[in-house]
Protein backbone atom coordinates (compact mmCIF):
# COMPACT_ATOMS: atom_id res chain seq x y z
CA MET A 1 0.00 0.00 0.00
CA SER A 2 1.07 3.61 -0.44
CA LYS A 3 3.00 5.69 2.06
CA HIS A 4 0.82 7.78 4.33
CA THR A 5 1.92 10.96 6.10
CA SER A 6 1.29 9.94 9.72
CA GLU A 7 0.09 7.12 11.90
CA GLY A 8 -3.32 6.84 13.52
CA SER A 9 -6.69 8.13 12.33
CA THR A 10 -8.02 11.68 12.60
CA PRO A 11 -11.60 13.00 12.22
CA PRO A 12 -12.53 13.46 8.52
CA THR A 13 -12.83 16.94 7.03
CA LEU A 14 -14.94 17.76 3.97
CA ARG A 15 -13.34 19.78 1.18
CA SER A 16 -13.04 20.07 -2.59
CA VAL A 17 -9.82 18.54 -3.96
CA PRO A 18 -8.22 19.10 -7.41
CA ILE A 19 -8.46 15.79 -9.23
CA THR A 20 -4.84 16.12 -10.39
CA LEU A 21 -3.71 15.70 -6.75
CA VAL A 22 -5.58 12.40 -6.28
CA ASP A 23 -4.05 8.96 -6.94
CA PRO A 24 -5.99 5.68 -7.24
CA ASN A 25 -5.07 2.93 -4.79
CA ASP A 26 -3.63 -0.40 -5.91
CA TRP A 27 -5.25 -2.44 -3.11
CA ASN A 28 -8.95 -1.80 -3.76
CA PRO A 29 -10.99 -4.77 -2.43
CA ARG A 30 -13.36 -4.56 -5.40
CA THR A 31 -11.81 -5.78 -8.66
CA HIS A 32 -14.96 -6.92 -10.42
CA VAL A 33 -17.26 -4.24 -11.88
CA SER A 34 -19.60 -4.99 -14.78
CA ASP A 35 -19.36 -2.85 -17.92
CA LYS A 36 -23.04 -1.94 -17.53
CA ASP A 37 -22.59 -0.61 -13.97
CA ARG A 38 -19.44 1.29 -14.93
CA ASP A 39 -21.13 2.93 -17.95
CA GLU A 40 -24.23 3.88 -15.95
CA LEU A 41 -22.13 5.53 -13.21
CA ARG A 42 -20.02 7.42 -15.75
CA ALA A 43 -23.15 8.74 -17.47
CA ASP A 44 -24.67 9.79 -14.12
CA VAL A 45 -21.51 11.62 -12.97
CA LYS A 46 -21.19 13.33 -16.33
CA ALA A 47 -24.77 14.60 -16.08
CA HIS A 48 -25.00 15.42 -12.35
CA GLY A 49 -21.47 15.39 -10.95
CA ILE A 50 -20.27 13.55 -7.81
CA GLN A 51 -23.19 13.28 -5.36
CA GLN A 52 -21.39 11.35 -2.60
CA PRO A 53 -17.93 12.52 -1.44
CA LEU A 54 -14.97 10.17 -1.83
CA LEU A 55 -12.89 9.15 1.18
CA LEU A 56 -9.22 10.17 0.71
CA ARG A 57 -6.14 9.95 2.91
CA PRO A 58 -3.05 12.20 2.71
CA ILE A 59 0.13 10.64 1.30
CA ASP A 60 3.65 11.95 0.66
CA GLY A 61 4.21 15.00 -1.52
CA GLY A 62 1.00 16.80 -0.61
CA ARG A 63 -1.09 14.30 -2.60
CA PHE A 64 -4.06 12.14 -1.67
CA GLU A 65 -4.96 8.48 -2.17
CA VAL A 66 -8.46 7.14 -2.73
CA VAL A 67 -9.62 4.99 0.20
CA ALA A 68 -13.29 4.53 -0.74
CA GLY A 69 -14.91 5.58 -4.01
CA MET A 70 -12.65 4.18 -6.75
CA GLN A 71 -15.54 3.84 -9.21
CA ARG A 72 -16.66 7.44 -8.58
CA PHE A 73 -13.04 8.57 -9.07
CA ASP A 74 -12.92 6.71 -12.41
CA ALA A 75 -16.24 8.27 -13.47
CA ALA A 76 -15.00 11.76 -12.49
CA GLN A 77 -11.87 11.32 -14.61
CA HIS A 78 -13.97 10.04 -17.51
CA ALA A 79 -16.32 13.05 -17.19
CA GLY A 80 -13.38 15.51 -17.19
CA LEU A 81 -14.07 16.99 -13.72
CA THR A 82 -11.31 19.23 -12.36
CA GLU A 83 -12.30 18.98 -8.68
CA ILE A 84 -14.10 16.37 -6.60
CA PRO A 85 -15.81 16.54 -3.17
CA ALA A 86 -13.93 14.43 -0.62
CA LEU A 87 -13.66 13.55 3.04
CA ILE A 88 -9.99 13.82 4.05
CA GLN A 89 -8.89 11.52 6.89
CA THR A 90 -5.47 10.37 8.05
CA LEU A 91 -5.55 6.56 8.18
CA ASP A 92 -2.90 3.86 8.44
CA ASP A 93 -2.95 0.91 6.03
CA ALA A 94 -5.14 -1.35 8.19
CA GLU A 95 -7.66 1.44 8.89
CA ALA A 96 -7.80 2.43 5.23
CA PHE A 97 -8.45 -1.15 4.13
CA GLU A 98 -11.15 -1.58 6.78
CA ALA A 99 -12.88 1.64 5.65
CA ALA A 100 -12.80 0.46 2.03
CA MET A 101 -14.20 -2.92 3.02
CA ARG A 102 -17.06 -1.45 5.02
CA GLU A 103 -18.18 0.73 2.13
CA ASN A 104 -18.01 -2.07 -0.44
CA ILE A 105 -19.77 -4.62 1.78
CA GLN A 106 -22.59 -2.17 2.57
CA ARG A 107 -23.28 -1.65 -1.13
CA HIS A 108 -24.45 -5.31 -1.40
CA ASP A 109 -23.06 -5.77 -4.92
CA MET A 110 -19.48 -6.72 -4.14
CA HIS A 111 -18.51 -9.93 -5.91
CA PRO A 112 -18.17 -12.93 -3.54
CA MET A 113 -14.71 -13.69 -4.95
CA ASP A 114 -13.59 -10.12 -4.23
CA GLU A 115 -14.92 -10.50 -0.68
CA ALA A 116 -13.03 -13.77 -0.18
CA ARG A 117 -9.73 -12.26 -1.31
CA ALA A 118 -10.31 -9.13 0.76
CA PHE A 119 -10.99 -11.14 3.93
CA ALA A 120 -7.74 -13.06 3.43
CA ARG A 121 -5.79 -9.85 2.82
CA TRP A 122 -7.39 -8.20 5.83
CA LYS A 123 -6.02 -10.90 8.11
CA LYS A 124 -2.47 -10.23 6.83
CA PHE A 125 -2.58 -6.75 8.36
CA ASP A 126 -3.11 -8.15 11.82
CA LYS A 127 -3.48 -11.75 13.03
CA ALA A 128 -6.07 -10.47 15.49
CA PHE A 129 -8.46 -10.17 12.55
CA THR A 130 -9.98 -13.61 13.04
CA ASP A 131 -13.14 -14.72 11.25
CA GLU A 132 -15.13 -13.62 14.30
CA ALA A 133 -13.47 -10.18 14.38
CA ILE A 134 -14.01 -9.60 10.65
CA ALA A 135 -17.66 -10.67 10.92
CA GLU A 136 -18.20 -8.22 13.77
CA ARG A 137 -16.52 -5.35 11.85
CA ILE A 138 -18.66 -5.79 8.71
CA GLY A 139 -21.89 -6.76 10.45
CA LYS A 140 -22.11 -10.27 8.99
CA SER A 141 -22.22 -13.75 10.54
CA VAL A 142 -19.09 -15.84 11.08
CA LYS A 143 -20.50 -18.49 8.71
CA TYR A 144 -20.82 -15.81 6.03
CA VAL A 145 -17.12 -14.96 6.33
CA GLN A 146 -16.10 -18.64 6.39
CA ARG A 147 -18.20 -19.49 3.33
CA ARG A 148 -16.59 -16.64 1.42
CA LYS A 149 -13.06 -17.67 2.45
CA ARG A 150 -13.68 -21.24 1.28
CA LEU A 151 -13.89 -19.84 -2.26
CA LEU A 152 -10.12 -19.31 -2.09
CA SER A 153 -9.66 -23.10 -2.26
CA LEU A 154 -10.83 -22.99 -5.89
CA PRO A 155 -8.01 -23.23 -8.47
CA GLY A 156 -7.13 -20.03 -10.33
CA PRO A 157 -9.10 -20.74 -13.54
CA MET A 158 -12.29 -21.39 -11.54
CA GLN A 159 -11.84 -18.16 -9.58
CA ASP A 160 -11.34 -16.28 -12.86
CA ALA A 161 -14.46 -17.88 -14.38
CA PHE A 162 -16.47 -16.89 -11.30
CA LEU A 163 -15.21 -13.29 -11.44
CA ALA A 164 -16.07 -13.16 -15.16
CA ASP A 165 -19.62 -14.38 -14.36
CA ALA A 166 -19.12 -17.50 -16.51
CA ILE A 167 -20.35 -19.49 -13.49
CA THR A 168 -22.64 -18.37 -10.66
CA ASP A 169 -22.13 -18.34 -6.91
CA ALA A 170 -24.20 -21.56 -6.75
CA HIS A 171 -21.72 -23.31 -9.09
CA ALA A 172 -18.77 -21.97 -7.07
CA ALA A 173 -20.30 -23.19 -3.79
CA ILE A 174 -20.68 -26.69 -5.29
CA LEU A 175 -17.11 -26.77 -6.65
CA VAL A 176 -15.68 -25.79 -3.26
CA GLY A 177 -16.92 -29.06 -1.76
CA VAL A 178 -15.48 -31.28 -4.52
CA PRO A 179 -12.27 -33.23 -3.75
CA ASP A 180 -9.20 -31.79 -5.48
CA GLU A 181 -8.79 -34.79 -7.78
CA LEU A 182 -12.32 -34.28 -9.21
CA LYS A 183 -12.48 -30.46 -9.24
CA GLU A 184 -11.41 -30.11 -12.88
CA LYS A 185 -13.96 -32.68 -14.10
CA ALA A 186 -16.70 -31.03 -12.03
CA PHE A 187 -15.73 -27.66 -13.49
CA HIS A 188 -16.17 -29.04 -17.02
CA GLU A 189 -19.65 -30.27 -16.01
CA CYS A 190 -20.58 -26.62 -15.36
CA PHE A 191 -20.82 -26.06 -19.12
CA LEU A 192 -23.11 -27.81 -21.61
CA PRO A 193 -21.07 -29.48 -24.38
CA ILE A 194 -23.17 -27.89 -27.15
CA ASP A 195 -20.23 -27.85 -29.56
CA GLY A 196 -18.50 -30.87 -28.05
CA HIS A 197 -16.40 -31.63 -24.98
CA ASP A 198 -13.17 -30.77 -26.82
CA VAL A 199 -14.44 -27.25 -27.55
CA VAL A 200 -15.38 -26.72 -23.89
CA ARG A 201 -11.94 -27.93 -22.80
CA ALA A 202 -10.18 -25.63 -25.31
CA ARG A 203 -12.21 -22.59 -24.23
CA ILE A 204 -11.41 -23.26 -20.56
CA ASN A 205 -7.71 -23.57 -21.37
CA LYS A 206 -7.82 -20.28 -23.30
CA ARG A 207 -9.89 -18.55 -20.55
CA GLU A 208 -12.63 -17.69 -23.08
CA TRP A 209 -15.23 -17.11 -20.37
CA ALA A 210 -17.50 -14.91 -22.53
CA LYS A 211 -17.97 -17.80 -24.97
CA LEU A 212 -18.61 -20.31 -22.18
CA ALA A 213 -21.09 -18.21 -20.17
CA PRO A 214 -24.09 -18.78 -22.54
CA ASP A 215 -23.67 -22.56 -22.20
CA VAL A 216 -23.49 -22.72 -18.41
CA ALA A 217 -25.35 -25.73 -17.00
CA ALA A 218 -27.97 -25.53 -14.26
CA PRO A 219 -26.43 -25.78 -10.77
CA ALA A 220 -28.79 -28.67 -10.00
CA SER A 221 -27.31 -30.78 -12.81
CA VAL A 222 -23.77 -30.03 -11.59
CA GLN A 223 -24.78 -30.95 -8.02
CA ASP A 224 -26.26 -34.21 -9.33
CA TRP A 225 -22.96 -35.06 -11.06
CA VAL A 226 -21.00 -34.28 -7.89
CA ASP A 227 -23.35 -36.37 -5.74
CA HIS A 228 -22.82 -39.37 -8.02
CA HIS A 229 -19.02 -39.09 -8.23
CA CYS A 230 -17.90 -37.84 -4.81
CA LYS A 231 -17.93 -39.30 -1.32
CA TYR A 232 -18.96 -36.93 1.46
CA GLU A 233 -18.10 -37.04 5.12
CA VAL A 234 -21.21 -37.02 7.32
CA ALA A 235 -19.99 -33.86 9.07
CA GLU A 236 -19.86 -32.06 5.69
CA LEU A 237 -23.57 -32.72 5.11
CA GLN A 238 -24.95 -31.19 8.30
CA GLU A 239 -25.62 -27.82 6.67
CA ARG A 240 -27.31 -29.51 3.70
CA LEU A 241 -29.29 -31.97 5.85
CA PRO A 242 -30.53 -30.11 8.96
CA GLU A 243 -31.93 -33.32 10.48
CA LEU A 244 -28.48 -34.97 10.68
CA PRO A 245 -27.35 -33.63 14.11
CA ALA A 246 -30.40 -35.17 15.82
CA LEU A 247 -29.85 -38.50 13.98
CA ILE A 248 -26.16 -38.54 14.95
CA GLN A 249 -27.07 -37.95 18.58
CA ALA A 250 -29.71 -40.70 18.49
CA ALA A 251 -27.23 -43.15 16.90
CA GLY A 252 -24.94 -42.81 19.91
CA THR A 253 -21.57 -44.56 19.84
CA THR A 254 -22.42 -46.69 16.80
CA GLY A 255 -22.82 -43.60 14.62
CA LEU A 256 -24.45 -43.40 11.21
CA ILE A 257 -23.31 -45.91 8.59
CA ASP A 258 -21.83 -44.63 5.28
CA LEU A 259 -23.92 -45.92 2.35
CA SER A 260 -23.53 -45.80 -1.42
CA GLU A 261 -26.18 -46.02 -4.13
CA GLN A 262 -23.63 -47.60 -6.47
CA TRP A 263 -23.75 -51.36 -7.02
CA TYR A 264 -19.99 -51.73 -7.44
CA LEU A 265 -16.74 -49.78 -6.99
CA SER A 266 -13.44 -49.80 -8.82
CA PRO A 267 -10.58 -51.61 -7.03
CA ALA A 268 -8.99 -48.23 -6.22
CA ASP A 269 -12.22 -46.88 -4.68
CA LYS A 270 -12.66 -50.07 -2.66
CA LYS A 271 -9.30 -49.39 -1.03
CA ARG A 272 -10.17 -45.72 -0.47
CA PHE A 273 -13.60 -46.41 1.04
CA PRO A 274 -13.35 -49.79 2.82
CA GLN A 275 -16.22 -49.05 5.23
CA LEU A 276 -18.70 -48.02 2.52
CA LEU A 277 -21.76 -50.29 2.14
CA LEU A 278 -22.72 -50.74 -1.53
CA ARG A 279 -26.28 -50.97 -2.82
CA ASP A 280 -26.23 -54.77 -3.01
CA GLN A 281 -25.19 -55.00 0.65
CA TYR A 282 -28.30 -53.42 2.18
CA THR A 283 -32.06 -53.17 1.74
CA GLU A 284 -33.60 -49.74 2.15
CA ILE A 285 -36.68 -49.53 4.37
CA GLY A 286 -39.32 -46.80 4.38
CA SER A 287 -41.99 -45.02 2.37
CA GLY A 288 -41.39 -45.12 -1.36
CA THR A 289 -39.51 -48.44 -1.13
CA HIS A 290 -40.56 -52.07 -1.53
CA TYR A 291 -40.19 -52.67 2.22
CA ARG A 292 -41.96 -50.49 4.79
CA THR A 293 -41.77 -52.70 7.89
CA ILE A 294 -38.89 -51.82 10.20
CA CYS A 295 -37.31 -54.94 11.69
CA ASP A 296 -35.39 -55.32 14.94
CA LYS A 297 -32.12 -55.43 12.95
CA ALA A 298 -32.70 -52.12 11.17
CA GLU A 299 -29.89 -49.52 11.23
CA ARG A 300 -29.57 -45.84 10.32
CA GLY A 301 -27.18 -44.56 7.71
CA VAL A 302 -26.58 -41.74 5.25
CA ILE A 303 -26.15 -41.86 1.48
CA VAL A 304 -22.69 -40.29 1.14
CA HIS A 305 -21.72 -41.66 -2.28
CA GLY A 306 -23.28 -42.44 -5.64
CA GLY A 307 -26.48 -40.39 -5.25
CA ARG A 308 -28.31 -37.54 -3.55
CA PRO A 309 -27.26 -37.39 0.13
CA ARG A 310 -30.08 -38.35 2.50
CA PRO A 311 -30.63 -40.29 5.73
CA VAL A 312 -31.71 -43.91 5.24
CA THR A 313 -33.12 -46.70 7.41
CA PHE A 314 -31.77 -50.03 6.14
CA CYS A 315 -31.29 -53.72 6.83
CA ARG A 316 -27.99 -55.39 5.95
CA VAL A 317 -28.02 -58.21 3.42
CA GLY A 318 -26.89 -61.50 4.96
CA ASN A 319 -27.93 -60.74 8.55
CA GLN A 320 -30.61 -63.49 8.58
CA CYS A 321 -33.48 -61.00 8.88
CA PRO A 322 -36.79 -62.92 8.42
CA VAL A 323 -38.62 -59.74 7.39
CA HIS A 324 -36.43 -58.43 4.58
CA HIS A 325 -34.24 -61.41 3.63
CA ALA A 326 -36.60 -64.38 3.99
CA SER A 327 -35.60 -65.76 0.59
CA GLU A 328 -31.93 -65.92 1.66
CA ILE A 329 -32.89 -67.87 4.81
CA ARG A 330 -35.00 -70.35 2.80
CA LYS A 331 -32.21 -70.89 0.30
CA ALA A 332 -29.67 -71.48 3.09
CA GLU A 333 -32.03 -73.99 4.75
CA ALA A 334 -32.64 -75.78 1.44
CA ASP A 335 -28.88 -76.14 0.87
CA THR A 336 -28.53 -77.96 4.21
CA LEU A 337 -31.40 -80.46 3.56
CA PRO A 338 -30.29 -84.13 3.08
CA LEU A 339 -30.68 -85.76 -0.34
CA ARG A 340 -33.92 -87.67 -0.80
CA GLY A 341 -34.67 -90.47 -3.20
CA LYS A 342 -32.68 -90.77 -6.37
CA GLY A 343 -30.32 -87.99 -7.25
CA LYS A 344 -29.94 -84.60 -5.67
CA ALA A 345 -32.88 -82.70 -4.21
CA LYS A 346 -33.84 -79.61 -6.17
CA THR A 347 -33.01 -76.34 -4.46
CA PRO A 348 -36.02 -74.01 -4.50
CA LYS A 349 -35.46 -70.81 -6.45
CA PRO A 350 -34.98 -67.79 -4.17
CA GLU A 351 -37.63 -65.11 -4.31
CA PRO A 352 -36.60 -62.15 -6.47
CA SER A 353 -35.43 -59.04 -4.64
CA ALA A 354 -37.27 -55.72 -4.83
CA TRP A 355 -34.67 -54.44 -7.29
CA GLU A 356 -35.09 -57.50 -9.55
CA LEU A 357 -38.88 -57.10 -9.50
CA LYS A 358 -38.52 -53.45 -10.47
CA GLN A 359 -36.14 -54.31 -13.32
CA ARG A 360 -38.51 -57.01 -14.62
CA LYS A 361 -41.46 -54.61 -14.50
CA GLU A 362 -39.57 -51.91 -16.40
CA ALA A 363 -38.37 -54.43 -19.00
CA ALA A 364 -41.92 -55.72 -19.48
CA GLN A 365 -43.21 -52.17 -19.93
CA GLN A 366 -40.55 -51.45 -22.56
CA ARG A 367 -41.37 -54.67 -24.46
CA ALA A 368 -45.08 -53.87 -24.41
CA TYR A 369 -44.36 -50.30 -25.50
CA ALA A 370 -42.26 -51.48 -28.42
CA LEU A 371 -45.00 -53.87 -29.58
CA ILE A 372 -47.87 -51.37 -29.61
CA LYS A 373 -46.02 -48.15 -30.47
CA GLY A 374 -46.75 -48.59 -34.18
CA ALA A 375 -50.47 -49.18 -33.56
CA ALA A 376 -50.60 -46.13 -31.28
CA LEU A 377 -48.97 -43.95 -33.94
CA ARG A 378 -51.57 -45.10 -36.48
CA SER A 379 -54.30 -44.03 -34.04
CA VAL A 380 -52.65 -40.65 -33.36
CA GLY A 381 -52.03 -40.04 -37.06
CA PRO A 382 -55.43 -38.55 -37.97
CA THR A 383 -55.18 -36.18 -35.00
CA LEU A 384 -51.87 -34.78 -36.24
CA VAL A 385 -53.57 -33.25 -39.29
CA THR A 386 -55.43 -30.76 -37.08
CA VAL A 387 -52.55 -29.96 -34.73
CA THR A 388 -50.64 -26.67 -34.99
CA PRO A 389 -47.16 -26.94 -33.41
CA THR A 390 -46.65 -24.54 -30.49
CA ALA A 391 -43.79 -23.78 -28.12
CA ALA A 392 -45.63 -25.63 -25.33
CA LEU A 393 -45.96 -28.74 -27.49
CA VAL A 394 -42.25 -28.66 -28.41
CA LYS A 395 -41.28 -28.38 -24.72
CA GLN A 396 -43.20 -31.62 -24.07
CA MET A 397 -41.37 -33.36 -26.91
CA LEU A 398 -37.83 -32.06 -26.43
CA SER A 399 -35.62 -31.51 -23.40
CA ALA A 400 -34.26 -28.07 -22.56
CA TYR A 401 -30.82 -29.29 -23.68
CA GLU A 402 -32.17 -30.39 -27.11
CA ILE A 403 -34.00 -27.09 -27.61
CA LYS A 404 -30.81 -25.18 -26.81
CA GLU A 405 -28.82 -27.48 -29.10
CA VAL A 406 -31.18 -26.68 -32.00
CA ALA A 407 -30.87 -22.95 -31.23
CA GLN A 408 -27.07 -23.15 -31.18
CA LYS A 409 -26.72 -25.12 -34.40
CA THR A 410 -29.60 -23.68 -36.48
CA GLY A 411 -30.13 -20.21 -34.98
CA LEU A 412 -33.80 -21.01 -34.25
CA ALA A 413 -35.04 -19.65 -30.92
CA LEU A 414 -38.16 -21.48 -29.73
CA SER A 415 -41.48 -19.63 -30.11
CA ASP A 416 -44.95 -20.49 -31.38
CA LYS A 417 -43.90 -19.32 -34.86
CA THR A 418 -40.73 -21.42 -34.98
CA ALA A 419 -42.10 -24.50 -33.20
CA LEU A 420 -42.41 -26.61 -36.34
CA ALA A 421 -38.96 -25.56 -37.56
CA VAL A 422 -37.43 -26.48 -34.18
CA LEU A 423 -39.05 -29.93 -34.37
CA ILE A 424 -37.64 -30.48 -37.85
CA GLY A 425 -34.24 -29.24 -36.69
CA SER A 426 -34.31 -31.65 -33.77
CA THR A 427 -35.22 -34.53 -36.08
CA LEU A 428 -32.28 -33.61 -38.27
CA LEU A 429 -30.12 -33.78 -35.14
CA GLN A 430 -31.30 -37.40 -34.66
CA LYS A 431 -33.88 -36.95 -31.91
CA SER A 432 -34.65 -40.31 -30.24
CA TRP A 433 -37.93 -41.11 -28.49
CA ASN A 434 -38.41 -42.88 -25.19
CA ARG A 435 -41.62 -44.03 -23.61
CA GLY A 436 -41.92 -41.09 -21.21
CA SER A 437 -41.58 -38.41 -23.89
CA PHE A 438 -43.95 -40.30 -26.22
CA VAL A 439 -46.63 -40.53 -23.48
CA ALA A 440 -46.26 -36.81 -22.70
CA PHE A 441 -46.46 -35.90 -26.39
CA THR A 442 -49.61 -37.90 -27.07
CA LYS A 443 -51.22 -36.48 -23.92
CA VAL A 444 -50.76 -32.94 -25.27
CA LEU A 445 -52.48 -34.09 -28.45
CA GLY A 446 -55.45 -35.35 -26.42
CA PHE A 447 -54.61 -39.02 -26.95
CA ASP A 448 -54.63 -41.23 -23.83
CA PHE A 449 -51.68 -43.52 -24.53
CA LYS A 450 -51.95 -45.39 -21.23
CA LYS A 451 -55.63 -46.16 -21.89
CA PHE A 452 -54.64 -47.34 -25.36
CA GLU A 453 -52.01 -49.59 -23.74
CA ARG A 454 -54.63 -51.15 -21.48
CA GLU A 455 -57.00 -51.77 -24.37
CA GLN A 456 -54.23 -53.34 -26.43
CA ALA A 457 -53.26 -55.54 -23.47
CA LYS A 458 -56.89 -56.73 -23.11
CA ALA A 459 -57.11 -57.42 -26.82
CA ALA A 460 -53.83 -59.33 -26.76
CA ALA A 461 -55.00 -61.38 -23.76
CA ALA A 462 -58.31 -62.18 -25.49
CA ALA A 463 -56.48 -63.20 -28.67
CA LYS A 464 -54.13 -65.41 -26.68
CA LYS A 465 -57.07 -67.01 -24.89
CA ALA A 466 -58.89 -67.61 -28.16
CA LYS A 467 -55.75 -69.11 -29.70
CA ALA A 468 -55.31 -71.43 -26.71
CA ALA A 469 -58.96 -72.53 -26.91
CA LYS A 470 -58.60 -73.17 -30.63
CA GLY A 471 -55.46 -75.22 -29.97
CA LYS A 472 -57.22 -77.30 -27.33
CA LYS A 473 -60.14 -77.88 -29.67
CA ALA A 474 -57.82 -79.01 -32.49
CA ALA A 475 -55.89 -81.29 -30.13
CA LYS A 476 -59.14 -82.84 -28.87
CA LYS A 477 -60.35 -83.39 -32.43
CA ALA A 478 -57.03 -84.96 -33.43
CA LYS A 479 -57.13 -87.27 -30.42
CA ALA A 480 -60.67 -88.34 -31.27
CA ALA A 481 -59.61 -89.14 -34.82
């Protein structure tokens, strides 16, 4: 910081100062100012002059240094003012920095990254400036200061992207909690690969934040990626899951068990997370699951890997629980039965698990959907003649990513007028249907696909029954002959 004329602060005095005697400071806490805000302030100062005095401090040679009001000083220079109103106060370096911080914090538009760097610099002036002391000086909570300082753990490119508004504070907060070895991959997930992953990687390497900003992904999708690829510590989730402290206290000395929603881990991850229970090692209990009865062997745990973090009640596989693992018990008992009669006794098939039942149901639905999709399209066909494509209809048919992809590659922004063109553009980009999107699309058209499915299923069952009856009748006739 610059050399000041004396130590200690004095009461400020208001006066008009020639702008040629004023120097900007090189330690301003605020480094990020948008072009729009800068232009608006310059226009206002040019039209009405400086309305709020700057805070200056005397320095060597009879000159003054800006303490607070750097943007107003810039606007005054741009407007060609010869004098500016100012409060003159003798301040040492620490006092000057504190005064600048208070003004910037109170304006509520200081960039979080600027705040984080300023808090760290503030502490260098005096080790007594702890997080608690800084929070008290600026009128914020200690957690607020700590959250801001955590942003400093982001690598340089991520901090630059945040300052350039290529990512939001929500993205930055997510990236802070990602392990160092996955930070770069998580950062790439912050941008939609509209033009390909290689283009995103090249733009990040070249710091082309303005080109990346339009393709920023939703924070929720980035959080979902992080949840599926990172392992959390239970203590890290207490702010995200407010109910955790009470569950930890209730668990006592046993604690909450770390659970994963992944069915398998790589050999390296198995060594890193030896205590982690995988999805095939426990059965989840509770509403929304196949099992709702809590047994006497139930335990409490937290999903910390492979999915959205949440508390879970579960029963371990292989613990001989008659409520949730009856099929395992029956199989074990059958294996110990003595051989009877000739040959080996047949081992009864174990009952399918809840996951297997769900997979079978979904597979059956997909097979049925594939069989009757053509018939459904023939029924919808006449309706299509009277349908006028609209933006609402397109949103049911395409995902937000696909709509943006069409806009990027064809220049077509979605509206009622361009709806048909967007659909054609999406088809040209090889749009693929799934059952969910097809059901939603036909519903918008007024066609009840699920009802059609039921009718087709009844018709198929009746045809099968008739075929079986016909076969029996032919077999009976052949036997009689």
